[in-house]
Amino acid sequence: MKLGARIFKTGLAVTLAMYAAIWLGSDSATFAAIAAAFAIQPSIYRTFQTILDQVQANLIGAILAVLFVLTFGHDPFVVGVVVILAIALISKLKLEPSTIPLAIVTIIIIMESPAANFVEFASDRFLLIMLGVLTAFIVNLFFIPPRYETKFYQLMLRETDSVIQWIMLLLRQDADPRSLKKDLKHIDHQVQKIDNLYNLYKEERNYFQKNRYSKARKLVLFRQMIITIKKSIFLLKNIERRFEHINQLPDSIQIQFELHLDLLTNFHNRILLRYVGKVTSSPSEETLHDLEKGKEALTQAFIKSYDSKGLSEETWMYTFPAVSQIIEYQEELVHLNHLVNSFFKYHQEENTLTIEKE
């Protein structure tokens, strides 16, 4: 079982919220702890973004709860009506949807308060909720800052390696179909995580002009990394779908497939390793020339095979999209390589990036 930073932050926020409530003399520290657990955010930017919305949403819930209890009592039916109204109001005001669960908790806690001295009890519990929100805000801000660049890169490298392995196993006819289908679902899920990490990294704000330019270039670079891995996955799925027809191609073309994809996948891996300084030099002109020659050789061999006697037109047409995807994959890789070169050219002070192990 893996414990991430957010798990530790949630536990820390709950602990600090309870200690703060006890220190202030409250005998209901649990309410502050519940609020702190709900209010933890995945990034510093979202912490700032949601703190005001959390205050407003909880205030809406508290006011509605007090008004309805004083007017109609605190029957379960009344509680349900207040929850519906609160959600409708929060949505109408376009507050963060993540604030809704805590607002509902606020309503339930307040409406379950004793009838005697209700307003005083409701106020105390509302303040405890806000204490929990404030504690979570402080923990988000100062403890265990997120490392989304590190997580993004590590996941990107891991899934790229997985895709590359499956491509080469397929071409060498060593892939287990069931394992491949299962792994493809896992890879798709991991790519969604990569997209999410990219968005979280994009949201983080830089307050120094120098870092802002560097980050802008990184965002362009990361976006291209995502486009490239998605293209490689699409290529893998194409090869898997057309595997039987590819096996019917002449041996010379199958060899060209394997040789050129071996060049491309090595090139892909080298680009990613260069980003963190594990490869120090950019690809030589000879490497880029070999890629172009490989693309031309594969394309020409495939076109000439159209008139081959041992190859049906149906097989040729059905395998054509796979060749097209290989060419597009190469174009994305060349563009990614250009962006990496550009990044190191304009940011010499960051030409050795440290990606910490998690």
Protein backbone atom coordinates (compact mmCIF):
# COMPACT_ATOMS: atom_id res chain seq x y z
CA MET A 1 0.00 0.00 0.00
CA LYS A 2 1.35 3.41 -1.03
CA LEU A 3 0.77 6.47 1.17
CA GLY A 4 0.83 9.73 -0.77
CA ALA A 5 1.39 13.30 0.40
CA ARG A 6 -2.33 14.06 0.38
CA ILE A 7 -3.02 11.20 2.81
CA PHE A 8 -0.43 12.58 5.24
CA LYS A 9 -1.79 16.12 4.81
CA THR A 10 -5.32 14.95 5.55
CA GLY A 11 -4.18 13.18 8.73
CA LEU A 12 -2.13 16.21 9.78
CA ALA A 13 -5.01 18.63 9.14
CA VAL A 14 -7.43 16.46 11.16
CA THR A 15 -4.96 16.24 14.06
CA LEU A 16 -4.21 19.99 14.11
CA ALA A 17 -7.92 20.88 13.79
CA MET A 18 -8.77 18.72 16.83
CA TYR A 19 -5.90 20.14 18.88
CA ALA A 20 -6.93 23.70 17.93
CA ALA A 21 -10.57 23.03 18.93
CA ILE A 22 -9.51 21.49 22.26
CA TRP A 23 -7.12 24.41 22.91
CA LEU A 24 -10.04 26.83 22.34
CA GLY A 25 -12.04 24.91 24.94
CA SER A 26 -14.49 23.14 22.66
CA ASP A 27 -15.90 19.76 23.61
CA SER A 28 -16.86 18.98 19.98
CA ALA A 29 -13.45 18.83 18.29
CA THR A 30 -14.81 16.12 15.97
CA PHE A 31 -16.68 18.71 13.90
CA ALA A 32 -13.48 20.64 13.19
CA ALA A 33 -11.75 17.37 12.22
CA ILE A 34 -14.55 16.44 9.78
CA ALA A 35 -14.35 19.87 8.15
CA ALA A 36 -10.54 19.65 7.85
CA ALA A 37 -10.78 16.24 6.15
CA PHE A 38 -13.26 17.57 3.58
CA ALA A 39 -11.37 20.81 2.93
CA ILE A 40 -7.97 19.36 1.95
CA GLN A 41 -7.10 20.26 -1.67
CA PRO A 42 -4.63 18.60 -4.08
CA SER A 43 -2.70 21.79 -4.89
CA ILE A 44 -1.72 25.15 -3.41
CA TYR A 45 -3.52 26.99 -6.21
CA ARG A 46 -6.77 25.12 -5.56
CA THR A 47 -6.35 25.92 -1.87
CA PHE A 48 -6.49 29.64 -2.64
CA GLN A 49 -9.15 29.10 -5.28
CA THR A 50 -11.56 27.23 -3.00
CA ILE A 51 -11.07 28.87 0.43
CA LEU A 52 -13.47 31.74 -0.35
CA ASP A 53 -15.97 29.37 -1.97
CA GLN A 54 -15.82 27.08 1.08
CA VAL A 55 -16.57 29.99 3.40
CA GLN A 56 -19.51 31.11 1.24
CA ALA A 57 -20.92 27.60 0.80
CA ASN A 58 -20.74 26.86 4.54
CA LEU A 59 -22.28 30.23 5.34
CA ILE A 60 -25.18 29.46 2.97
CA GLY A 61 -25.67 26.06 4.60
CA ALA A 62 -25.48 27.50 8.14
CA ILE A 63 -27.93 30.34 7.48
CA LEU A 64 -30.46 28.05 5.79
CA ALA A 65 -30.12 25.50 8.59
CA VAL A 66 -30.73 28.08 11.34
CA LEU A 67 -33.70 29.70 9.53
CA PHE A 68 -35.44 26.39 8.84
CA VAL A 69 -34.89 24.98 12.34
CA LEU A 70 -36.31 28.15 13.92
CA THR A 71 -39.26 28.09 11.48
CA PHE A 72 -40.03 24.40 10.90
CA GLY A 73 -38.00 22.44 13.44
CA HIS A 74 -35.40 19.80 12.66
CA ASP A 75 -37.37 16.83 11.29
CA PRO A 76 -35.43 14.63 8.81
CA PHE A 77 -37.74 15.89 6.05
CA VAL A 78 -36.78 19.50 6.84
CA VAL A 79 -33.08 18.57 6.82
CA GLY A 80 -33.52 17.04 3.35
CA VAL A 81 -35.27 20.16 2.03
CA VAL A 82 -32.46 22.39 3.36
CA VAL A 83 -29.82 20.19 1.72
CA ILE A 84 -31.65 20.45 -1.63
CA LEU A 85 -31.95 24.24 -1.34
CA ALA A 86 -28.30 24.64 -0.31
CA ILE A 87 -27.04 22.56 -3.27
CA ALA A 88 -29.29 24.53 -5.65
CA LEU A 89 -28.01 27.86 -4.29
CA ILE A 90 -24.34 26.83 -4.40
CA SER A 91 -24.77 25.65 -7.99
CA LYS A 92 -26.65 28.83 -8.93
CA LEU A 93 -23.85 30.99 -7.52
CA LYS A 94 -21.33 28.82 -9.46
CA LEU A 95 -19.25 28.05 -6.41
CA GLU A 96 -16.77 25.14 -6.53
CA PRO A 97 -18.67 21.80 -6.62
CA SER A 98 -16.11 20.41 -4.13
CA THR A 99 -17.59 22.70 -1.46
CA ILE A 100 -21.00 20.96 -1.55
CA PRO A 101 -20.14 17.92 0.65
CA LEU A 102 -18.79 20.14 3.45
CA ALA A 103 -21.82 22.46 3.21
CA ILE A 104 -24.09 19.40 3.64
CA VAL A 105 -22.05 18.32 6.68
CA THR A 106 -22.46 21.84 8.10
CA ILE A 107 -26.24 21.67 7.62
CA ILE A 108 -26.56 18.25 9.28
CA ILE A 109 -24.33 19.21 12.24
CA ILE A 110 -26.23 22.45 12.87
CA MET A 111 -29.72 21.01 12.42
CA GLU A 112 -28.96 18.22 14.90
CA SER A 113 -28.12 20.81 17.59
CA PRO A 114 -30.16 20.79 20.82
CA ALA A 115 -33.35 22.85 20.83
CA ALA A 116 -32.33 24.92 23.87
CA ASN A 117 -29.99 27.84 23.09
CA PHE A 118 -30.09 26.71 19.47
CA VAL A 119 -28.58 29.83 17.90
CA GLU A 120 -25.63 29.75 20.32
CA PHE A 121 -25.00 26.05 19.67
CA ALA A 122 -25.37 26.54 15.90
CA SER A 123 -22.88 29.43 15.96
CA ASP A 124 -20.35 27.37 17.93
CA ARG A 125 -20.60 24.48 15.52
CA PHE A 126 -20.33 26.75 12.49
CA LEU A 127 -17.16 28.29 13.95
CA LEU A 128 -15.77 24.79 14.55
CA ILE A 129 -16.43 23.96 10.89
CA MET A 130 -14.61 27.14 9.83
CA LEU A 131 -11.74 26.28 12.17
CA GLY A 132 -11.38 22.96 10.35
CA VAL A 133 -11.44 24.73 6.95
CA LEU A 134 -8.79 27.22 8.13
CA THR A 135 -6.58 24.40 9.46
CA ALA A 136 -6.79 22.55 6.15
CA PHE A 137 -5.93 25.80 4.33
CA ILE A 138 -2.78 26.28 6.45
CA VAL A 139 -1.70 22.64 6.01
CA ASN A 140 -2.24 22.84 2.24
CA LEU A 141 -0.19 26.02 2.11
CA PHE A 142 2.85 25.13 4.22
CA PHE A 143 3.17 21.34 4.60
CA ILE A 144 4.43 18.82 2.02
CA PRO A 145 4.15 20.96 -1.14
CA PRO A 146 3.02 18.92 -4.18
CA ARG A 147 5.62 17.70 -6.70
CA TYR A 148 3.48 17.38 -9.79
CA GLU A 149 6.39 17.69 -12.22
CA THR A 150 8.07 14.70 -10.57
CA LYS A 151 4.87 12.62 -10.56
CA PHE A 152 4.09 13.60 -14.14
CA TYR A 153 7.53 12.60 -15.44
CA GLN A 154 7.72 9.31 -13.54
CA LEU A 155 4.28 8.20 -14.70
CA MET A 156 5.01 9.35 -18.27
CA LEU A 157 8.27 7.38 -18.40
CA ARG A 158 6.70 4.26 -16.88
CA GLU A 159 3.73 4.17 -19.27
CA THR A 160 5.88 5.03 -22.29
CA ASP A 161 8.13 2.06 -21.46
CA SER A 162 5.06 -0.15 -21.19
CA VAL A 163 3.69 0.95 -24.59
CA ILE A 164 7.10 0.53 -26.26
CA GLN A 165 7.48 -2.99 -24.86
CA TRP A 166 4.06 -4.04 -26.15
CA ILE A 167 4.72 -2.60 -29.63
CA MET A 168 7.95 -4.56 -29.97
CA LEU A 169 6.44 -7.75 -28.48
CA LEU A 170 3.59 -7.56 -31.01
CA LEU A 171 5.91 -7.16 -33.96
CA ARG A 172 8.05 -10.07 -32.75
CA GLN A 173 4.89 -12.15 -32.26
CA ASP A 174 5.64 -12.67 -28.56
CA ALA A 175 2.66 -10.76 -27.11
CA ASP A 176 -0.08 -12.51 -25.15
CA PRO A 177 -3.41 -11.10 -26.51
CA ARG A 178 -5.28 -11.32 -23.19
CA SER A 179 -2.50 -9.62 -21.23
CA LEU A 180 -2.27 -6.91 -23.89
CA LYS A 181 -5.99 -6.12 -23.80
CA LYS A 182 -5.90 -5.97 -20.00
CA ASP A 183 -2.80 -3.76 -19.99
CA LEU A 184 -4.27 -1.41 -22.60
CA LYS A 185 -7.16 -0.60 -20.24
CA HIS A 186 -4.64 0.07 -17.46
CA ILE A 187 -2.55 2.30 -19.75
CA ASP A 188 -5.62 4.32 -20.78
CA HIS A 189 -6.43 4.83 -17.10
CA GLN A 190 -2.85 5.92 -16.37
CA VAL A 191 -2.91 8.41 -19.25
CA GLN A 192 -5.97 10.02 -17.64
CA LYS A 193 -3.85 10.40 -14.49
CA ILE A 194 -1.09 11.99 -16.58
CA ASP A 195 -3.62 14.49 -17.97
CA ASN A 196 -4.79 15.28 -14.44
CA LEU A 197 -1.21 15.78 -13.18
CA TYR A 198 -0.54 18.09 -16.11
CA ASN A 199 -3.59 20.20 -15.22
CA LEU A 200 -2.55 20.35 -11.54
CA TYR A 201 0.98 21.42 -12.51
CA LYS A 202 -0.47 23.99 -14.92
CA GLU A 203 -2.61 25.46 -12.13
CA GLU A 204 0.37 26.12 -9.84
CA ARG A 205 1.34 29.80 -9.92
CA ASN A 206 4.86 31.22 -10.27
CA TYR A 207 5.52 34.56 -8.64
CA PHE A 208 8.91 35.25 -10.27
CA GLN A 209 9.15 36.34 -13.90
CA LYS A 210 12.20 34.15 -14.51
CA ASN A 211 10.40 30.99 -13.35
CA ARG A 212 7.28 31.96 -15.28
CA TYR A 213 9.03 31.77 -18.67
CA SER A 214 10.66 28.46 -17.76
CA LYS A 215 7.33 26.99 -16.68
CA ALA A 216 5.58 28.20 -19.83
CA ARG A 217 8.11 26.27 -21.91
CA LYS A 218 7.74 23.21 -19.67
CA LEU A 219 3.97 23.27 -20.16
CA VAL A 220 4.40 23.25 -23.94
CA LEU A 221 6.93 20.42 -23.60
CA PHE A 222 4.69 18.38 -21.26
CA ARG A 223 1.71 18.88 -23.55
CA GLN A 224 3.72 17.46 -26.44
CA MET A 225 4.83 14.52 -24.28
CA ILE A 226 1.15 13.74 -23.69
CA ILE A 227 0.31 14.05 -27.41
CA THR A 228 3.22 11.74 -28.25
CA ILE A 229 2.34 9.00 -25.76
CA LYS A 230 -1.29 9.11 -26.90
CA LYS A 231 -0.10 8.73 -30.49
CA SER A 232 2.05 5.74 -29.50
CA ILE A 233 -0.95 4.13 -27.74
CA PHE A 234 -3.10 4.71 -30.81
CA LEU A 235 -0.37 3.09 -32.92
CA LEU A 236 -0.22 0.10 -30.54
CA LYS A 237 -4.00 -0.36 -30.79
CA ASN A 238 -3.81 -0.12 -34.59
CA ILE A 239 -1.09 -2.76 -34.80
CA GLU A 240 -2.99 -5.03 -32.37
CA ARG A 241 -6.21 -4.68 -34.39
CA ARG A 242 -4.45 -5.36 -37.72
CA PHE A 243 -1.96 -7.91 -36.43
CA GLU A 244 -3.19 -10.82 -38.55
CA HIS A 245 -3.10 -8.75 -41.76
CA ILE A 246 0.37 -7.37 -40.94
CA ASN A 247 1.60 -10.96 -40.66
CA GLN A 248 0.39 -11.54 -44.23
CA LEU A 249 2.68 -8.82 -45.58
CA PRO A 250 5.91 -9.88 -47.31
CA ASP A 251 8.78 -10.66 -44.93
CA SER A 252 10.79 -7.69 -46.20
CA ILE A 253 8.04 -5.26 -45.14
CA GLN A 254 7.59 -6.93 -41.75
CA ILE A 255 11.33 -6.50 -41.18
CA GLN A 256 11.02 -2.81 -42.18
CA PHE A 257 8.15 -2.44 -39.68
CA GLU A 258 10.24 -3.88 -36.87
CA LEU A 259 13.45 -2.01 -37.71
CA HIS A 260 11.77 1.38 -38.07
CA LEU A 261 9.64 1.02 -34.93
CA ASP A 262 12.74 -0.06 -33.04
CA LEU A 263 14.41 3.20 -34.13
CA LEU A 264 11.35 5.28 -33.18
CA THR A 265 10.80 3.72 -29.76
CA ASN A 266 14.49 4.08 -28.85
CA PHE A 267 14.31 7.69 -30.00
CA HIS A 268 11.21 8.26 -27.84
CA ASN A 269 12.84 6.79 -24.75
CA ARG A 270 16.04 8.78 -25.33
CA ILE A 271 14.12 12.08 -25.49
CA LEU A 272 12.43 11.41 -22.14
CA LEU A 273 15.73 10.41 -20.50
CA ARG A 274 17.42 13.52 -21.86
CA TYR A 275 14.83 15.70 -20.13
CA VAL A 276 16.19 14.68 -16.71
CA GLY A 277 19.84 14.69 -17.73
CA LYS A 278 20.33 10.92 -17.99
CA VAL A 279 21.26 11.49 -21.63
CA THR A 280 23.44 14.57 -22.02
CA SER A 281 23.59 15.10 -25.78
CA SER A 282 20.87 15.77 -28.32
CA PRO A 283 20.33 13.22 -31.11
CA SER A 284 22.91 13.56 -33.86
CA GLU A 285 22.08 14.56 -37.42
CA GLU A 286 22.91 10.98 -38.36
CA THR A 287 20.15 9.68 -36.02
CA LEU A 288 17.59 12.05 -37.50
CA HIS A 289 18.77 11.11 -40.99
CA ASP A 290 18.36 7.40 -40.15
CA LEU A 291 14.78 8.08 -39.01
CA GLU A 292 13.97 9.81 -42.31
CA LYS A 293 15.63 7.03 -44.30
CA GLY A 294 13.70 4.42 -42.31
CA LYS A 295 10.41 6.20 -42.93
CA GLU A 296 11.16 6.49 -46.64
CA ALA A 297 12.23 2.82 -46.90
CA LEU A 298 9.08 1.58 -45.11
CA THR A 299 6.79 3.81 -47.18
CA GLN A 300 8.38 2.87 -50.49
CA ALA A 301 8.40 -0.86 -49.67
CA PHE A 302 4.74 -0.73 -48.65
CA ILE A 303 3.68 1.19 -51.79
CA LYS A 304 5.55 -1.24 -54.06
CA SER A 305 3.90 -4.20 -52.33
CA TYR A 306 0.51 -3.04 -53.67
CA ASP A 307 1.24 -4.81 -56.95
CA SER A 308 2.70 -7.86 -55.25
CA LYS A 309 1.10 -11.11 -56.43
CA GLY A 310 1.15 -12.73 -53.02
CA LEU A 311 -0.65 -9.81 -51.31
CA SER A 312 -4.38 -9.16 -51.60
CA GLU A 313 -5.74 -5.66 -52.05
CA GLU A 314 -7.85 -6.12 -48.89
CA THR A 315 -4.76 -6.89 -46.78
CA TRP A 316 -2.90 -3.90 -48.23
CA MET A 317 -5.78 -1.50 -47.57
CA TYR A 318 -6.34 -2.86 -44.06
CA THR A 319 -2.67 -2.41 -43.05
CA PHE A 320 -2.32 1.03 -44.67
CA PRO A 321 -3.61 2.92 -41.54
CA ALA A 322 -0.87 1.28 -39.43
CA VAL A 323 1.81 2.66 -41.76
CA SER A 324 0.14 6.07 -41.61
CA GLN A 325 0.16 5.97 -37.79
CA ILE A 326 3.88 5.13 -37.74
CA ILE A 327 4.59 8.23 -39.88
CA GLU A 328 2.45 10.43 -37.60
CA TYR A 329 4.16 8.98 -34.51
CA GLN A 330 7.54 9.91 -36.01
CA GLU A 331 6.37 13.47 -36.72
CA GLU A 332 5.25 13.92 -33.10
CA LEU A 333 8.58 12.53 -31.85
CA VAL A 334 10.57 14.93 -34.04
CA HIS A 335 8.50 17.83 -32.72
CA LEU A 336 9.01 16.66 -29.11
CA ASN A 337 12.77 16.45 -29.72
CA HIS A 338 12.72 20.00 -31.14
CA LEU A 339 10.93 21.28 -28.01
CA VAL A 340 13.43 19.58 -25.69
CA ASN A 341 16.32 21.14 -27.65
CA SER A 342 14.63 24.52 -27.47
CA PHE A 343 14.05 24.21 -23.72
CA PHE A 344 17.71 23.49 -22.98
CA LYS A 345 18.85 26.21 -25.37
CA TYR A 346 16.91 28.98 -23.62
CA HIS A 347 17.17 27.70 -20.04
CA GLN A 348 20.83 26.86 -19.56
CA GLU A 349 20.51 27.19 -15.79
CA GLU A 350 18.00 24.30 -15.82
CA ASN A 351 19.78 22.00 -18.23
CA THR A 352 20.11 19.35 -15.50
CA LEU A 353 16.76 18.69 -13.92
CA THR A 354 16.46 16.63 -10.76
CA ILE A 355 13.42 14.36 -10.63
CA GLU A 356 13.26 12.98 -7.11
CA LYS A 357 12.17 9.44 -6.47
CA GLU A 358 8.83 9.12 -4.72
